[in-house]
């Protein structure tokens, strides 16, 4: 098995190959369906020559587990009558309107070693800390929006009609299988979004719209470093800054009250899984597969 590469071990050619394009992880961040990264993360990665992506432990675990997850996925597909051969995913690239699009699925499922046409592309995920309730029935396409977009991107660039998303929720079990179909309309939207992002925010002088993420603050700070001075304020900025001060005071008060309410609800949950507020709204304080109790609130359907 090939060792997992850190950013320092990736060759210069590989680095620029990944940097000078939009890939499957980038696109879900660009369109806002990724829960961990956003447009400013992609902007920094593509425009800051000193940027080095931090390799998180869960990413390393996922990469090390990838060959094993691939084999477990093949075995499970075979149990359900889907006999395929899995080949390591190769890199597909396509240039549209001067923008390079890139995709490397984890595996390509083909009819046999003699065949090249993909019957499926395969994306494997480790989700040991994930809430299983956030996923639908196995063998359906009920997955989170970011993974769906990643699968659709795989299908669009490889030409595969389906993407198998294999999610392992527990290290001692086979991954759960989800099937996401190719979606030409959504893929075209993703491609259009990728091209617009590149032309405006990488080739152009614009930055992505301001949002509340820490990535946005880091990106704006990085851009501000080139100025090295403080500018005089305007009357409008004074109003905004005072509002920020007042909001900070309110947030401190609200955070204290929020924790008090959460602690009271946790106490009232007791040994149960949670409290049902009907209409789909619920407060849970349940143990995950590792035995750690986690608090979650779902306000959907809660009447005023």
Protein backbone atom coordinates (compact mmCIF):
# COMPACT_ATOMS: atom_id res chain seq x y z
CA UNK A 1 0.00 0.00 0.00
CA UNK A 2 1.30 3.44 -0.92
CA UNK A 3 2.07 5.56 2.13
CA UNK A 4 -0.10 8.60 2.79
CA UNK A 5 1.67 11.74 1.67
CA UNK A 6 1.91 14.85 3.79
CA UNK A 7 1.99 18.27 2.11
CA UNK A 8 5.80 18.25 2.45
CA UNK A 9 6.06 14.91 0.63
CA UNK A 10 3.92 15.89 -2.33
CA UNK A 11 6.08 16.76 -5.33
CA UNK A 12 6.03 20.28 -6.72
CA UNK A 13 4.33 19.04 -9.89
CA UNK A 14 1.61 17.31 -7.87
CA UNK A 15 1.15 20.38 -5.69
CA UNK A 16 0.61 22.73 -8.61
CA UNK A 17 -1.56 20.15 -10.36
CA UNK A 18 -3.95 20.22 -7.39
CA UNK A 19 -3.67 23.94 -6.75
CA UNK A 20 -4.29 25.18 -10.30
CA UNK A 21 -7.71 23.57 -10.63
CA UNK A 22 -11.07 22.98 -8.97
CA UNK A 23 -11.44 19.49 -7.51
CA UNK A 24 -14.23 17.49 -5.90
CA UNK A 25 -13.43 18.74 -2.39
CA UNK A 26 -13.25 22.34 -3.60
CA UNK A 27 -16.58 22.40 -5.41
CA UNK A 28 -18.76 21.54 -2.40
CA UNK A 29 -17.00 24.31 -0.46
CA UNK A 30 -17.58 26.78 -3.28
CA UNK A 31 -21.33 26.14 -3.51
CA UNK A 32 -21.78 26.05 0.27
CA UNK A 33 -22.75 22.41 0.84
CA UNK A 34 -19.61 21.42 2.77
CA UNK A 35 -20.01 21.51 6.54
CA UNK A 36 -16.31 22.07 7.27
CA UNK A 37 -14.95 24.41 4.59
CA UNK A 38 -16.29 27.38 2.65
CA UNK A 39 -15.42 29.68 -0.27
CA UNK A 40 -12.77 31.56 1.72
CA UNK A 41 -10.91 28.31 2.46
CA UNK A 42 -10.73 27.62 -1.27
CA UNK A 43 -9.73 31.22 -2.01
CA UNK A 44 -6.79 31.02 0.41
CA UNK A 45 -5.70 27.63 -0.94
CA UNK A 46 -5.68 28.85 -4.55
CA UNK A 47 -4.20 32.35 -4.12
CA UNK A 48 -1.78 32.23 -1.16
CA UNK A 49 1.60 30.89 -2.29
CA UNK A 50 2.56 30.22 1.34
CA UNK A 51 -0.60 28.28 2.12
CA UNK A 52 -0.14 24.76 3.47
CA UNK A 53 -3.26 22.72 4.11
CA UNK A 54 -3.23 21.31 7.63
CA UNK A 55 -3.49 17.53 7.60
CA UNK A 56 -6.09 16.66 10.24
CA UNK A 57 -6.06 13.29 12.04
CA UNK A 58 -9.41 12.22 10.58
CA UNK A 59 -8.08 12.89 7.08
CA UNK A 60 -5.04 10.70 7.72
CA UNK A 61 -7.26 7.95 9.17
CA UNK A 62 -9.51 8.08 6.11
CA UNK A 63 -6.58 7.86 3.69
CA UNK A 64 -4.91 5.00 5.56
CA UNK A 65 -8.23 3.12 5.75
CA UNK A 66 -9.05 3.69 2.07
CA UNK A 67 -7.70 0.38 0.65
CA UNK A 68 -9.45 -1.62 3.38
CA UNK A 69 -12.72 0.27 2.91
CA UNK A 70 -12.48 -0.38 -0.82
CA UNK A 71 -12.22 -4.13 -0.27
CA UNK A 72 -15.05 -4.13 2.30
CA UNK A 73 -17.17 -2.20 -0.18
CA UNK A 74 -16.43 -4.73 -2.94
CA UNK A 75 -17.36 -7.64 -0.67
CA UNK A 76 -20.61 -6.00 0.41
CA UNK A 77 -21.59 -5.18 -3.16
CA UNK A 78 -20.92 -8.83 -4.08
CA UNK A 79 -23.19 -10.00 -1.25
CA UNK A 80 -25.97 -7.98 -2.88
CA UNK A 81 -25.32 -9.47 -6.30
CA UNK A 82 -23.18 -6.65 -7.67
CA UNK A 83 -19.96 -8.34 -8.77
CA UNK A 84 -17.39 -5.77 -9.81
CA UNK A 85 -13.65 -5.28 -9.81
CA UNK A 86 -12.34 -2.19 -8.05
CA UNK A 87 -9.40 -0.35 -9.54
CA UNK A 88 -7.66 2.58 -7.79
CA UNK A 89 -9.13 5.83 -9.01
CA UNK A 90 -7.12 7.76 -11.57
CA UNK A 91 -7.15 11.51 -12.10
CA UNK A 92 -9.54 12.96 -14.67
CA UNK A 93 -9.10 16.54 -15.88
CA UNK A 94 -11.12 18.76 -18.16
CA UNK A 95 -10.62 22.37 -19.16
CA UNK A 96 -13.70 24.51 -19.77
CA UNK A 97 -13.51 28.21 -20.64
CA UNK A 98 -9.89 28.34 -19.51
CA UNK A 99 -10.60 26.79 -16.09
CA UNK A 100 -9.14 23.39 -15.21
CA UNK A 101 -11.46 20.93 -13.47
CA UNK A 102 -10.02 17.90 -11.69
CA UNK A 103 -11.37 14.71 -10.14
CA UNK A 104 -9.81 11.65 -8.52
CA UNK A 105 -12.39 9.19 -7.18
CA UNK A 106 -11.17 6.68 -4.60
CA UNK A 107 -11.97 3.71 -6.84
CA UNK A 108 -13.42 2.83 -10.23
CA UNK A 109 -15.77 -0.17 -10.32
CA UNK A 110 -15.43 -2.06 -13.61
CA UNK A 111 -16.80 -5.35 -14.93
CA UNK A 112 -13.41 -7.09 -14.79
CA UNK A 113 -9.69 -6.31 -14.89
CA UNK A 114 -9.92 -6.31 -18.70
CA UNK A 115 -12.52 -3.54 -18.73
CA UNK A 116 -11.94 0.19 -18.39
CA UNK A 117 -15.43 1.69 -18.62
CA UNK A 118 -16.62 2.57 -15.08
CA UNK A 119 -19.88 1.01 -13.97
CA UNK A 120 -19.59 3.01 -10.76
CA UNK A 121 -17.17 5.41 -9.17
CA UNK A 122 -16.59 4.79 -5.47
CA UNK A 123 -16.09 7.34 -2.69
CA UNK A 124 -15.22 6.00 0.77
CA UNK A 125 -15.75 7.89 4.04
CA UNK A 126 -14.95 7.19 7.67
CA UNK A 127 -17.69 8.64 9.86
CA UNK A 128 -16.86 7.33 13.32
CA UNK A 129 -18.11 10.50 15.04
CA UNK A 130 -21.07 11.09 12.73
CA UNK A 131 -24.69 10.96 13.86
CA UNK A 132 -26.24 7.99 12.04
CA UNK A 133 -29.62 9.75 12.24
CA UNK A 134 -28.33 12.29 9.73
CA UNK A 135 -28.21 9.57 7.05
CA UNK A 136 -31.19 7.92 5.42
CA UNK A 137 -31.84 4.30 4.57
CA UNK A 138 -28.91 2.31 3.26
CA UNK A 139 -28.87 1.80 -0.54
CA UNK A 140 -30.75 5.10 -0.94
CA UNK A 141 -29.26 8.44 -2.03
CA UNK A 142 -30.18 10.12 1.27
CA UNK A 143 -26.79 11.62 2.21
CA UNK A 144 -25.64 15.08 3.17
CA UNK A 145 -25.58 17.70 0.42
CA UNK A 146 -21.79 18.04 0.35
CA UNK A 147 -21.22 14.33 -0.23
CA UNK A 148 -23.96 14.33 -2.87
CA UNK A 149 -22.26 17.16 -4.77
CA UNK A 150 -18.92 15.37 -4.51
CA UNK A 151 -20.48 12.19 -5.94
CA UNK A 152 -22.19 14.11 -8.75
CA UNK A 153 -18.84 15.75 -9.57
CA UNK A 154 -17.23 12.29 -9.74
CA UNK A 155 -19.93 11.09 -12.14
CA UNK A 156 -19.78 14.18 -14.31
CA UNK A 157 -16.03 14.11 -14.88
CA UNK A 158 -15.62 10.32 -15.19
CA UNK A 159 -18.78 9.61 -17.19
CA UNK A 160 -19.93 7.01 -14.65
CA UNK A 161 -23.73 6.67 -14.33
CA UNK A 162 -23.63 6.15 -10.54
CA UNK A 163 -21.40 6.86 -7.56
CA UNK A 164 -21.20 4.40 -4.66
CA UNK A 165 -20.74 6.28 -1.40
CA UNK A 166 -19.44 3.84 1.22
CA UNK A 167 -19.64 5.26 4.75
CA UNK A 168 -18.15 3.33 7.66
CA UNK A 169 -19.83 4.40 10.90
CA UNK A 170 -18.08 1.84 13.10
CA UNK A 171 -14.57 0.44 12.69
CA UNK A 172 -15.76 -3.10 13.39
CA UNK A 173 -18.44 -3.18 10.71
CA UNK A 174 -18.85 -3.06 6.94
CA UNK A 175 -19.51 0.39 5.49
CA UNK A 176 -23.09 1.38 4.70
CA UNK A 177 -23.70 1.76 0.97
CA UNK A 178 -25.46 4.69 -0.66
CA UNK A 179 -25.99 5.13 -4.41
CA UNK A 180 -25.97 8.61 -5.94
CA UNK A 181 -26.99 8.86 -9.57
CA UNK A 182 -25.36 11.14 -12.11
CA UNK A 183 -27.25 14.43 -12.31
CA UNK A 184 -26.48 16.42 -15.46
CA UNK A 185 -28.41 19.50 -14.36
CA UNK A 186 -26.66 19.68 -10.96
CA UNK A 187 -23.27 18.91 -12.52
CA UNK A 188 -23.70 21.76 -15.00
CA UNK A 189 -24.51 24.07 -12.08
CA UNK A 190 -21.36 22.91 -10.26
CA UNK A 191 -19.23 23.48 -13.35
CA UNK A 192 -20.71 26.94 -13.88
CA UNK A 193 -20.06 27.78 -10.20
CA UNK A 194 -16.46 26.55 -10.45
CA UNK A 195 -15.74 28.66 -13.53
CA UNK A 196 -17.35 31.77 -12.04
CA UNK A 197 -15.42 31.30 -8.78
CA UNK A 198 -12.10 30.92 -10.58
CA UNK A 199 -12.55 33.91 -12.85
CA UNK A 200 -13.80 36.23 -10.09
CA UNK A 201 -11.79 35.15 -7.08
CA UNK A 202 -8.62 33.48 -8.40
CA UNK A 203 -7.87 35.16 -11.73
CA UNK A 204 -9.77 38.31 -10.72
CA UNK A 205 -9.23 40.80 -7.91
CA UNK A 206 -12.40 40.04 -5.95
CA UNK A 207 -12.70 38.11 -2.71
CA UNK A 208 -15.68 35.89 -1.83
CA UNK A 209 -18.60 37.59 -0.06
CA UNK A 210 -18.07 38.21 3.64
CA UNK A 211 -19.49 35.53 5.92
CA UNK A 212 -19.26 34.58 9.59
CA UNK A 213 -16.67 31.81 9.26
CA UNK A 214 -13.19 31.88 10.76
CA UNK A 215 -11.84 31.20 7.25
CA UNK A 216 -13.30 34.51 6.12
CA UNK A 217 -11.56 36.34 8.96
CA UNK A 218 -8.25 34.60 8.18
CA UNK A 219 -8.55 35.45 4.51
CA UNK A 220 -9.37 39.11 5.12
CA UNK A 221 -6.49 39.34 7.60
CA UNK A 222 -4.14 37.82 5.05
CA UNK A 223 -5.17 40.34 2.42
CA UNK A 224 -4.84 43.19 4.91
CA UNK A 225 -1.24 42.25 5.73
CA UNK A 226 -0.09 43.92 2.54
CA UNK A 227 -1.28 47.31 3.77
CA UNK A 228 0.61 47.57 7.10
CA UNK A 229 -1.27 50.59 8.41
CA UNK A 230 -4.50 51.66 10.06
CA UNK A 231 -6.95 53.75 8.09
CA UNK A 232 -9.09 56.55 9.48
CA UNK A 233 -12.63 55.56 10.25
CA UNK A 234 -15.78 56.87 8.61
CA UNK A 235 -18.98 57.80 10.45
CA UNK A 236 -20.62 54.69 9.04
CA UNK A 237 -17.81 52.50 10.37
CA UNK A 238 -18.15 54.06 13.83
CA UNK A 239 -21.81 53.05 13.85
CA UNK A 240 -20.91 49.50 12.81
CA UNK A 241 -18.16 49.22 15.42
CA UNK A 242 -20.45 50.39 18.21
CA UNK A 243 -23.06 47.89 17.08
CA UNK A 244 -20.37 45.18 17.22
CA UNK A 245 -19.54 46.19 20.79
CA UNK A 246 -23.20 46.02 21.82
CA UNK A 247 -23.65 42.67 20.12
CA UNK A 248 -20.64 41.25 21.96
CA UNK A 249 -22.21 42.25 25.27
CA UNK A 250 -25.51 40.65 24.27
CA UNK A 251 -23.77 37.50 23.05
CA UNK A 252 -22.00 37.07 26.40
CA UNK A 253 -25.32 37.32 28.21
CA UNK A 254 -27.10 35.05 25.76
CA UNK A 255 -24.30 32.44 25.84
CA UNK A 256 -24.56 32.24 29.63
CA UNK A 257 -28.33 31.79 29.44
CA UNK A 258 -27.98 29.24 26.62
CA UNK A 259 -25.67 27.07 28.72
CA UNK A 260 -28.06 27.29 31.69
CA UNK A 261 -30.99 26.11 29.54
CA UNK A 262 -28.96 23.30 27.96
CA UNK A 263 -27.78 22.06 31.35
CA UNK A 264 -31.33 22.11 32.68
CA UNK A 265 -32.62 20.14 29.68
CA UNK A 266 -29.77 17.63 30.03
CA UNK A 267 -30.72 17.14 33.66
CA UNK A 268 -34.37 16.58 32.70
CA UNK A 269 -33.43 14.08 29.97
CA UNK A 270 -32.02 11.83 32.66
CA UNK A 271 -31.39 8.31 31.40
CA UNK A 272 -33.60 8.75 28.32
CA UNK A 273 -32.30 9.52 24.85
CA UNK A 274 -33.92 12.94 24.78
CA UNK A 275 -37.11 14.97 24.80
CA UNK A 276 -39.68 14.92 21.98
CA UNK A 277 -41.26 18.33 21.33
CA UNK A 278 -43.47 16.91 18.55
CA UNK A 279 -43.62 18.01 14.95
CA UNK A 280 -40.04 16.79 14.44
CA UNK A 281 -38.48 19.06 17.07
CA UNK A 282 -36.35 17.26 19.63
CA UNK A 283 -33.57 17.71 22.15
CA UNK A 284 -31.27 14.70 22.52
CA UNK A 285 -28.41 13.83 24.83
CA UNK A 286 -27.58 10.35 23.67
CA UNK A 287 -24.46 8.21 23.55
CA UNK A 288 -22.74 7.67 20.22
CA UNK A 289 -21.11 4.39 19.24
CA UNK A 290 -18.08 5.20 21.36
CA UNK A 291 -20.27 5.75 24.40
CA UNK A 292 -19.84 9.52 24.58
CA UNK A 293 -23.07 11.42 25.16
CA UNK A 294 -23.60 14.28 22.73
CA UNK A 295 -26.16 17.06 22.90
CA UNK A 296 -28.15 17.94 19.78
CA UNK A 297 -31.09 20.28 19.19
CA UNK A 298 -33.51 20.11 16.27
CA UNK A 299 -35.97 23.01 16.22
CA UNK A 300 -37.66 22.11 12.93
CA UNK A 301 -41.42 21.94 13.38
CA UNK A 302 -41.37 23.64 16.78
CA UNK A 303 -44.44 25.82 17.09
CA UNK A 304 -44.03 29.40 18.31
